[in-house]
Amino acid sequence: MNPYIFFNGNCEEAFLFYEEVFRKEISYIGRYKDVPKRDKHIFQETDENKIMHVTLDISAETSLNGADYSEGYEESKVYSNFGLIIHTDGKDEAERLFKELSEDGQRTLPMHLTFWGSYYGNCIDKFGITWKITT
């Protein structure tokens, strides 16, 4: 389980800072403009240079992940400024976690196969914690 932090347009600045503090290099950075055409309708054109996802590996077991809120993405409207991301070993475990964590909570993005090749979904549990579940 790893933290996922949401920013309001300054994700890149924050992660460049974290890169210096932790003396580690960002292992992945993707922008909303990198989203395939078939999924672009979800996002606003003004979000193109914002960060869709960034990963900074802190250790072999831990990574710090983040993104900028996107004005056009409904999911952005329900997030606080952090979430927890769980990487599972398979689809069945991802489905089980999603079902159990979202019970009496909110399913903000159903589990589905993404354009980046993961089986992925988001929910908010009954305590208001955001969970990002992926294979």
Protein backbone atom coordinates (compact mmCIF):
# COMPACT_ATOMS: atom_id res chain seq x y z
CA MET A 1 0.00 0.00 0.00
CA ASN A 2 1.41 3.37 -1.05
CA PRO A 3 0.26 6.97 -0.61
CA TYR A 4 -1.29 8.86 -3.52
CA ILE A 5 -1.35 12.65 -3.20
CA PHE A 6 -3.52 14.99 -5.28
CA PHE A 7 -2.48 18.53 -6.18
CA ASN A 8 -4.14 21.57 -7.67
CA GLY A 9 -1.77 22.18 -10.58
CA ASN A 10 1.55 22.00 -8.74
CA CYS A 11 2.16 18.24 -8.69
CA GLU A 12 5.28 18.45 -10.83
CA GLU A 13 6.79 21.14 -8.60
CA ALA A 14 6.03 19.06 -5.50
CA PHE A 15 7.54 15.89 -6.93
CA LEU A 16 10.69 17.67 -8.10
CA PHE A 17 11.01 18.81 -4.47
CA TYR A 18 10.39 15.28 -3.13
CA GLU A 19 12.95 13.96 -5.61
CA GLU A 20 15.58 16.20 -4.00
CA VAL A 21 14.49 15.52 -0.43
CA PHE A 22 14.46 11.72 -0.79
CA ARG A 23 17.47 11.72 -3.14
CA LYS A 24 15.59 9.48 -5.59
CA GLU A 25 14.60 9.88 -9.23
CA ILE A 26 11.04 10.01 -10.53
CA SER A 27 10.43 6.66 -12.23
CA TYR A 28 7.36 7.71 -14.21
CA ILE A 29 5.64 10.95 -15.13
CA GLY A 30 2.63 11.15 -17.45
CA ARG A 31 0.54 14.14 -18.43
CA TYR A 32 -3.11 14.41 -19.39
CA LYS A 33 -1.98 15.27 -22.94
CA ASP A 34 -0.53 11.73 -23.15
CA VAL A 35 -3.96 10.12 -22.79
CA PRO A 36 -5.00 8.23 -25.95
CA LYS A 37 -7.57 9.97 -28.16
CA ARG A 38 -10.35 7.51 -27.25
CA ASP A 39 -10.15 8.65 -23.60
CA LYS A 40 -9.36 12.37 -24.11
CA HIS A 41 -13.03 13.37 -23.83
CA ILE A 42 -12.84 12.79 -20.08
CA PHE A 43 -10.38 15.65 -19.56
CA GLN A 44 -10.36 19.37 -20.27
CA GLU A 45 -7.95 20.77 -22.88
CA THR A 46 -6.69 23.20 -20.24
CA ASP A 47 -5.44 20.22 -18.20
CA GLU A 48 -3.09 18.93 -20.93
CA ASN A 49 0.16 19.88 -19.16
CA LYS A 50 -1.04 18.83 -15.72
CA ILE A 51 0.28 15.59 -14.25
CA MET A 52 -2.01 12.58 -14.74
CA HIS A 53 0.28 10.28 -12.74
CA VAL A 54 3.77 10.42 -11.25
CA THR A 55 5.73 7.85 -9.26
CA LEU A 56 8.74 8.37 -7.04
CA ASP A 57 10.12 5.09 -5.72
CA ILE A 58 11.26 5.71 -2.15
CA SER A 59 12.40 2.11 -1.55
CA ALA A 60 11.88 -1.34 -3.05
CA GLU A 61 8.59 -1.58 -1.13
CA THR A 62 7.34 2.01 -1.09
CA SER A 63 6.49 4.59 -3.70
CA LEU A 64 5.05 8.07 -3.47
CA ASN A 65 2.45 8.65 -6.19
CA GLY A 66 0.57 11.73 -7.26
CA ALA A 67 -1.51 13.63 -9.79
CA ASP A 68 -3.06 17.02 -10.43
CA TYR A 69 -6.81 17.31 -10.17
CA SER A 70 -8.42 17.48 -13.59
CA GLU A 71 -11.34 19.86 -13.98
CA GLY A 72 -13.09 17.58 -16.46
CA TYR A 73 -12.74 14.32 -14.60
CA GLU A 74 -15.72 13.67 -12.32
CA GLU A 75 -13.55 11.58 -10.02
CA SER A 76 -11.51 14.70 -9.14
CA LYS A 77 -14.50 16.29 -7.47
CA VAL A 78 -14.66 13.69 -4.72
CA TYR A 79 -11.00 13.43 -3.69
CA SER A 80 -9.41 14.91 -0.65
CA ASN A 81 -5.72 15.60 -1.22
CA PHE A 82 -4.58 12.02 -0.67
CA GLY A 83 -5.52 8.42 -1.35
CA LEU A 84 -4.00 4.99 -0.94
CA ILE A 85 -3.04 2.85 -3.92
CA ILE A 86 -2.98 -0.94 -3.66
CA HIS A 87 -1.19 -3.06 -6.27
CA THR A 88 -2.73 -6.53 -6.32
CA ASP A 89 -1.49 -9.79 -7.81
CA GLY A 90 -4.56 -10.29 -9.96
CA LYS A 91 -8.02 -9.29 -11.11
CA ASP A 92 -9.89 -11.43 -8.55
CA GLU A 93 -8.10 -9.83 -5.60
CA ALA A 94 -8.61 -6.36 -7.10
CA GLU A 95 -12.35 -7.04 -7.50
CA ARG A 96 -12.64 -8.36 -3.93
CA LEU A 97 -10.85 -5.36 -2.43
CA PHE A 98 -12.90 -2.92 -4.51
CA LYS A 99 -16.18 -4.59 -3.49
CA GLU A 100 -15.35 -4.73 0.21
CA LEU A 101 -13.75 -1.28 0.49
CA SER A 102 -16.61 0.43 -1.35
CA GLU A 103 -19.37 -1.23 0.71
CA ASP A 104 -21.37 1.60 2.34
CA GLY A 105 -19.02 4.03 0.58
CA GLN A 106 -18.82 5.39 -2.95
CA ARG A 107 -17.62 3.77 -6.18
CA THR A 108 -15.99 6.67 -8.03
CA LEU A 109 -14.47 4.69 -10.92
CA PRO A 110 -15.54 1.08 -11.55
CA MET A 111 -12.87 -1.57 -12.00
CA HIS A 112 -11.92 -1.71 -15.69
CA LEU A 113 -9.06 -2.37 -18.09
CA THR A 114 -7.21 0.92 -18.64
CA PHE A 115 -5.33 2.29 -21.62
CA TRP A 116 -2.06 1.80 -19.70
CA GLY A 117 -2.77 -1.92 -19.33
CA SER A 118 -3.84 -2.19 -15.68
CA TYR A 119 -7.10 -3.44 -14.28
CA TYR A 120 -7.98 -0.40 -12.17
CA GLY A 121 -10.70 1.31 -10.15
CA ASN A 122 -11.26 3.86 -7.39
CA CYS A 123 -13.59 4.07 -4.45
CA ILE A 124 -14.10 5.97 -1.23
CA ASP A 125 -14.74 3.84 1.82
CA LYS A 126 -17.38 4.55 4.44
CA PHE A 127 -14.79 6.49 6.44
CA GLY A 128 -14.01 8.90 3.56
CA ILE A 129 -10.65 7.34 2.56
CA THR A 130 -9.89 7.22 -1.17
CA TRP A 131 -8.61 3.88 -2.48
CA LYS A 132 -7.02 3.30 -5.90
CA ILE A 133 -6.89 -0.41 -6.69
CA THR A 134 -4.82 -1.80 -9.56
CA THR A 135 -3.21 -4.95 -10.94
